[in-house]
Each structure stands twice: as C-alpha cells, then as structure tokens.
Amino acid sequence: MKTSIIIPFCNEETNVQSVLEETRRTNPVAEIIAVNDGSSDRTEAMIRQHADVRLISFATRCGQSAAIYTGLSLAEGDVCVMMDGDGQNDPADIPKLVDLLNQADLVCGYRRNRQDTWTRRSASWLANSIRRMILHDPVRDTGCALKAMRRADLCHVIPFDGLHRYLPVMFHHAGLRIVEVVVNHRPRRHGKSKYTIARRAFLGLYDLFGVRWLMGRRTSWPKINPSGVPLVPTRPREPLPEVKPSSNPPMAACQLTRVQSPSNPGS
C-alpha cells in the first residue's frame, strides 16, 4: 500500500530543506508532495533541489486548504497523510498514523504537549470547545495538521477555504470511523506563522455557521469495498438549522504553474 505525504509550504524557505530531508529519512518509500502556495521567497527553488519530491506550484497564494485539497487530488498513494511545512510536526509519527488506518477511516494527531505560546494554546482550546458544542466535532485537537486517510475517501471532503480545520467533522457526519493518536509537537524554529489569533478567531466563527449549514445539506456517500458492495452506509443525520450561505466563492480559483514529477525533474 503506497503512502503519499502532502506538505503545503508558503514562504517557508528556511524550513523546506530540513522538513523534506527529515520526512524522506523517516518515510523512505513514500511519495512526498510539496505544494508551493504562491510563495514570494525561495521556497519553490528550495523544493526543486529535492529530486525525489513531487512539486506542485501555485502561481498565486490560494491558501492552505487549496494546497491540501490539490495534493490529495493528485496523490498517487492509496493512503494520504497531511502535515504542516513549518517543522513543528514530526514526520516520524507518520507510520504510526498509517498503521491505525486498519482501525479507522481518519486518523488525527493529538498534540498532548503542544509547543506553542500560552495565548495560542488557550485560543485553540476555546475554539475546539465551541466547535465540539456546535458541530459535534469528535476530536480534541482538530488544529493538528497531522492526519491520515485513504485517498478513496476523498469524496467525503468538501473543498472550501478552511476545510483543513474541519476534516474530522466531515468524516464524522459521513458516518466514518475516527481515531486520535498522541503525536510529537515541536516549537517553530524558523519563519513565522501565517495566522494571527484574531484572524483565526474571526475565520473560525465565520466558518462555524457555514460548516453547520454545509453539513446539513451535504450529499452522503456510502463506503464501497472493491467488489462494489457498500460496507458501511453513512448514518443519516438530523438536519441542522439552515444558515444563509455567503455570496463569496468557497475557495479561490487557483492557477497551477507546474506539477513536477520526481521521475522527470525538468518538466
């Protein structure tokens, strides 16, 4: 079973080399997909130095959700693992997540010893509590980027700006199995976060109502085994109160400048 690791990068030139080298060292046979999210620094050039890494590059910045969804859509592996490109996730945890897919459909990392500031941890705890109350989010740490899923379950993922924070909610409302596993978390050594606490709070509140409406209107897909027989029909959900959707498009239309395969670095 082939594993694809999707890593979004946005202006992370000081982290690219260490993240990609450590990911390859701890996952020697995995497909590594580095998504350059319209970086204005040398991020793309740094990725190109790794001939064994598949590069997907956006002409303009489209956001972490677009980067992750594009990587998932183009991955060749049966299993897809997502992680951040800032060096705080430990790629040595990836085999543990992949093994747990024998017991679940989505495996989520849980940062028990989170290496962030007190204000960031407190804001995250409050956001997770509100999300669980309103959306019945089944996990404790939905903000942890380390997650593993089967590529065949991509049909349960609805693309919108912010989807990476709501993957457990989507899988839960589809009636799929979710497990959490404790993962290592490290302080950011280089660069700076692309989000402020205030911006996260505003977007989180805005998204809550949109996702609540979306989960009540989504199409349910049965889980299919290779013989075509449904394995676990999605559980019917009580309709959620409707909220007027925003007139803004759910995700920016992103232009791909190139997709570079490791087997053909010059393409």
Protein backbone atom coordinates (compact mmCIF):
# COMPACT_ATOMS: atom_id res chain seq x y z
CA MET A 1 0.00 0.00 0.00
CA LYS A 2 1.61 3.24 -1.19
CA THR A 3 1.60 6.31 1.04
CA SER A 4 1.54 9.91 -0.20
CA ILE A 5 2.59 12.71 2.16
CA ILE A 6 1.18 16.16 1.32
CA ILE A 7 3.10 19.15 2.71
CA PRO A 8 1.95 22.71 1.94
CA PHE A 9 4.59 25.45 2.01
CA CYS A 10 4.06 29.21 1.92
CA ASN A 11 7.15 31.39 2.33
CA GLU A 12 8.96 28.69 4.30
CA GLU A 13 12.38 28.89 2.61
CA THR A 14 14.14 28.44 5.97
CA ASN A 15 12.19 25.24 6.74
CA VAL A 16 11.92 23.49 3.37
CA GLN A 17 15.23 21.64 3.43
CA SER A 18 15.00 20.30 6.99
CA VAL A 19 11.33 19.31 6.64
CA LEU A 20 11.80 17.46 3.36
CA GLU A 21 15.02 15.75 4.43
CA GLU A 22 13.51 14.57 7.72
CA THR A 23 10.33 13.40 6.01
CA ARG A 24 12.32 11.36 3.48
CA ARG A 25 14.59 9.91 6.17
CA THR A 26 11.65 8.73 8.30
CA ASN A 27 9.47 7.66 5.34
CA PRO A 28 11.93 6.35 2.73
CA VAL A 29 9.45 4.81 0.28
CA ALA A 30 6.58 7.32 0.49
CA GLU A 31 5.58 9.71 -2.24
CA ILE A 32 6.28 13.22 -0.93
CA ILE A 33 4.20 16.01 -2.47
CA ALA A 34 5.36 19.56 -1.69
CA VAL A 35 2.77 22.19 -2.58
CA ASN A 36 4.19 25.68 -3.04
CA ASP A 37 1.31 28.03 -2.19
CA GLY A 38 2.34 31.06 -4.24
CA SER A 39 5.44 31.79 -2.17
CA SER A 40 7.26 35.07 -2.79
CA ASP A 41 10.57 33.86 -1.35
CA ARG A 42 12.87 30.98 -2.41
CA THR A 43 10.51 28.23 -1.24
CA GLU A 44 9.93 26.83 -4.74
CA ALA A 45 13.62 26.91 -5.60
CA MET A 46 14.43 25.07 -2.38
CA ILE A 47 11.84 22.37 -3.14
CA ARG A 48 13.34 21.91 -6.61
CA GLN A 49 16.64 20.88 -5.05
CA HIS A 50 14.97 17.65 -3.88
CA ALA A 51 14.73 15.43 -6.94
CA ASP A 52 12.76 12.76 -5.07
CA VAL A 53 9.97 15.19 -4.15
CA ARG A 54 6.96 15.90 -6.33
CA LEU A 55 6.41 19.66 -6.69
CA ILE A 56 3.01 21.30 -7.19
CA SER A 57 3.25 25.07 -7.51
CA PHE A 58 0.53 27.75 -7.47
CA ALA A 59 1.02 30.97 -9.44
CA THR A 60 -0.60 32.95 -6.60
CA ARG A 61 -1.32 32.25 -2.96
CA CYS A 62 -4.54 30.24 -2.64
CA GLY A 63 -4.40 29.13 0.98
CA GLN A 64 -3.63 26.01 2.97
CA SER A 65 -6.95 24.36 2.16
CA ALA A 66 -6.44 24.68 -1.59
CA ALA A 67 -2.90 23.34 -1.25
CA ILE A 68 -4.03 20.32 0.75
CA TYR A 69 -7.00 19.52 -1.47
CA THR A 70 -4.88 19.79 -4.63
CA GLY A 71 -2.28 17.48 -3.11
CA LEU A 72 -4.95 14.97 -2.10
CA SER A 73 -6.49 15.09 -5.59
CA LEU A 74 -3.18 14.49 -7.37
CA ALA A 75 -1.69 11.97 -4.95
CA GLU A 76 -0.85 8.53 -6.30
CA GLY A 77 -0.84 6.71 -2.98
CA ASP A 78 -3.67 4.62 -1.54
CA VAL A 79 -3.11 6.41 1.79
CA CYS A 80 -2.69 10.16 2.13
CA VAL A 81 -1.03 11.87 5.08
CA MET A 82 -1.16 15.63 5.67
CA MET A 83 1.35 17.65 7.68
CA ASP A 84 2.49 21.26 8.01
CA GLY A 85 5.61 22.64 6.38
CA ASP A 86 6.75 24.73 9.36
CA GLY A 87 8.75 21.96 11.03
CA GLN A 88 6.51 21.64 14.09
CA ASN A 89 5.06 18.26 13.05
CA ASP A 90 7.30 15.20 13.44
CA PRO A 91 7.25 13.04 10.28
CA ALA A 92 8.49 10.09 12.38
CA ASP A 93 4.87 9.86 13.63
CA ILE A 94 3.53 9.15 10.13
CA PRO A 95 3.97 5.33 10.14
CA LYS A 96 2.01 5.21 13.40
CA LEU A 97 -0.90 7.10 11.81
CA VAL A 98 -0.85 4.89 8.70
CA ASP A 99 -0.93 1.69 10.79
CA LEU A 100 -4.04 2.91 12.63
CA LEU A 101 -5.98 3.11 9.36
CA ASN A 102 -6.61 -0.59 9.95
CA GLN A 103 -8.97 0.55 12.70
CA ALA A 104 -10.37 3.79 11.30
CA ASP A 105 -11.09 5.87 8.21
CA LEU A 106 -9.43 9.04 9.51
CA VAL A 107 -6.53 9.17 11.97
CA CYS A 108 -5.91 12.52 13.66
CA GLY A 109 -2.84 13.57 15.58
CA TYR A 110 -3.28 14.90 19.12
CA ARG A 111 -0.63 17.34 20.39
CA ARG A 112 -0.69 16.49 24.08
CA ASN A 113 2.44 18.55 24.76
CA ARG A 114 1.83 21.39 22.36
CA GLN A 115 4.85 23.65 21.90
CA ASP A 116 3.11 26.98 21.30
CA THR A 117 2.61 30.12 23.36
CA TRP A 118 0.09 30.14 26.21
CA THR A 119 -2.18 32.56 24.33
CA ARG A 120 -2.21 30.38 21.23
CA ARG A 121 -2.94 27.23 23.23
CA SER A 122 -5.75 28.96 25.14
CA ALA A 123 -7.34 30.30 21.96
CA SER A 124 -7.14 26.86 20.38
CA TRP A 125 -8.74 25.21 23.44
CA LEU A 126 -11.64 27.69 23.35
CA ALA A 127 -12.13 27.24 19.59
CA ASN A 128 -12.12 23.44 19.91
CA SER A 129 -14.68 23.58 22.73
CA ILE A 130 -17.06 25.77 20.70
CA ARG A 131 -16.58 23.60 17.62
CA ARG A 132 -17.43 20.43 19.57
CA MET A 133 -20.54 22.05 21.01
CA ILE A 134 -21.92 23.38 17.72
CA LEU A 135 -20.66 20.86 15.16
CA HIS A 136 -20.22 17.74 17.34
CA ASP A 137 -16.56 17.64 16.35
CA PRO A 138 -15.34 14.29 17.71
CA VAL A 139 -11.64 15.13 18.18
CA ARG A 140 -9.79 17.12 20.83
CA ASP A 141 -7.20 18.76 18.57
CA THR A 142 -8.65 19.43 15.14
CA GLY A 143 -5.94 22.04 14.54
CA CYS A 144 -3.22 19.39 14.42
CA ALA A 145 -2.16 19.16 10.79
CA LEU A 146 -1.00 15.52 11.04
CA LYS A 147 -3.86 13.43 9.67
CA ALA A 148 -4.07 10.23 7.64
CA MET A 149 -6.87 8.99 5.38
CA ARG A 150 -7.44 6.72 2.40
CA ARG A 151 -7.47 8.51 -0.92
CA ALA A 152 -10.70 6.66 -1.80
CA ASP A 153 -12.45 8.68 0.92
CA LEU A 154 -11.71 11.99 -0.77
CA CYS A 155 -15.35 12.02 -1.91
CA HIS A 156 -16.30 12.88 1.69
CA VAL A 157 -14.13 16.01 1.67
CA ILE A 158 -15.93 19.17 0.56
CA PRO A 159 -13.50 21.74 -0.86
CA PHE A 160 -13.80 25.18 0.71
CA ASP A 161 -11.41 27.68 2.25
CA GLY A 162 -10.86 26.27 5.74
CA LEU A 163 -11.52 22.59 5.02
CA HIS A 164 -8.26 21.50 6.71
CA ARG A 165 -9.74 22.52 10.07
CA TYR A 166 -12.97 20.58 9.53
CA LEU A 167 -11.90 17.21 8.14
CA PRO A 168 -12.95 15.33 11.33
CA VAL A 169 -16.39 16.98 11.18
CA MET A 170 -16.86 15.92 7.55
CA PHE A 171 -15.84 12.32 8.26
CA HIS A 172 -17.98 12.22 11.42
CA HIS A 173 -21.09 13.44 9.61
CA ALA A 174 -20.42 10.88 6.87
CA GLY A 175 -20.62 8.13 9.50
CA LEU A 176 -16.96 7.15 9.18
CA ARG A 177 -14.60 5.98 11.93
CA ILE A 178 -12.15 8.42 13.51
CA VAL A 179 -9.35 7.77 15.99
CA GLU A 180 -6.82 10.07 17.66
CA VAL A 181 -3.22 9.28 18.48
CA VAL A 182 -0.72 11.28 20.51
CA VAL A 183 1.96 12.83 18.30
CA ASN A 184 5.10 14.82 18.91
CA HIS A 185 4.95 18.60 18.57
CA ARG A 186 7.90 20.94 18.36
CA PRO A 187 8.41 24.70 18.61
CA ARG A 188 8.74 26.66 15.39
CA ARG A 189 12.45 27.34 14.85
CA HIS A 190 12.36 29.42 11.68
CA GLY A 191 9.93 31.78 9.99
CA LYS A 192 6.62 32.93 11.40
CA SER A 193 3.02 31.77 11.44
CA LYS A 194 0.74 32.94 8.62
CA TYR A 195 -2.17 33.41 11.05
CA THR A 196 -2.79 35.74 13.97
CA ILE A 197 -5.01 34.76 16.89
CA ALA A 198 -7.52 37.49 15.98
CA ARG A 199 -7.70 36.32 12.35
CA ARG A 200 -8.12 32.70 13.41
CA ALA A 201 -10.94 33.69 15.79
CA PHE A 202 -12.79 35.66 13.12
CA LEU A 203 -12.43 32.99 10.44
CA GLY A 204 -13.34 30.26 12.94
CA LEU A 205 -16.58 31.99 13.93
CA TYR A 206 -17.42 32.73 10.30
CA ASP A 207 -16.75 29.13 9.27
CA LEU A 208 -18.80 27.62 12.10
CA PHE A 209 -22.08 28.80 10.67
CA GLY A 210 -21.10 27.94 7.10
CA VAL A 211 -19.98 24.42 8.00
CA ARG A 212 -23.11 23.88 10.11
CA TRP A 213 -25.23 24.73 7.08
CA LEU A 214 -22.99 22.67 4.80
CA MET A 215 -23.18 19.52 6.94
CA GLY A 216 -26.97 19.69 6.80
CA ARG A 217 -27.00 19.98 3.01
CA ARG A 218 -24.14 17.68 2.00
CA THR A 219 -24.56 14.58 -0.14
CA SER A 220 -23.94 11.33 1.77
CA TRP A 221 -21.79 8.70 0.06
CA PRO A 222 -21.81 5.03 1.11
CA LYS A 223 -18.45 3.43 1.82
CA ILE A 224 -17.71 0.97 -1.00
CA ASN A 225 -15.40 -2.04 -0.93
CA PRO A 226 -13.52 -3.23 -4.06
CA SER A 227 -16.38 -5.58 -5.03
CA GLY A 228 -18.76 -2.64 -5.22
CA VAL A 229 -20.85 -3.62 -2.20
CA PRO A 230 -21.45 -0.88 0.40
CA LEU A 231 -19.51 -1.68 3.58
CA VAL A 232 -20.71 0.97 6.00
CA PRO A 233 -23.67 3.05 4.85
CA THR A 234 -23.43 6.60 6.06
CA ARG A 235 -25.58 7.23 9.10
CA PRO A 236 -28.49 9.61 8.49
CA ARG A 237 -28.12 12.88 10.33
CA GLU A 238 -30.82 15.14 11.64
CA PRO A 239 -30.99 18.26 9.51
CA LEU A 240 -29.12 21.18 11.02
CA PRO A 241 -30.63 24.68 11.10
CA GLU A 242 -30.09 26.43 7.81
CA VAL A 243 -27.83 29.46 7.71
CA LYS A 244 -27.78 31.80 4.76
CA PRO A 245 -24.62 31.00 2.80
CA SER A 246 -22.09 33.65 1.91
CA SER A 247 -22.11 35.10 -1.60
CA ASN A 248 -18.33 34.71 -1.74
CA PRO A 249 -16.91 31.68 -3.59
CA PRO A 250 -15.95 28.83 -1.23
CA MET A 251 -12.38 28.59 -2.49
CA ALA A 252 -10.32 30.83 -4.71
CA ALA A 253 -9.79 29.65 -8.26
CA CYS A 254 -6.09 28.79 -8.19
CA GLN A 255 -3.87 28.62 -11.23
CA LEU A 256 -1.26 25.87 -11.23
CA THR A 257 2.03 26.97 -12.72
CA ARG A 258 3.52 23.48 -12.80
CA VAL A 259 3.39 19.95 -11.46
CA GLN A 260 6.88 18.47 -11.34
CA SER A 261 7.30 14.72 -11.02
CA PRO A 262 10.36 13.27 -9.24
CA SER A 263 10.92 10.98 -12.19
CA ASN A 264 11.12 13.97 -14.52
CA PRO A 265 12.57 16.88 -12.55
CA GLY A 266 12.91 19.13 -15.53
CA SER A 267 9.26 19.14 -16.56
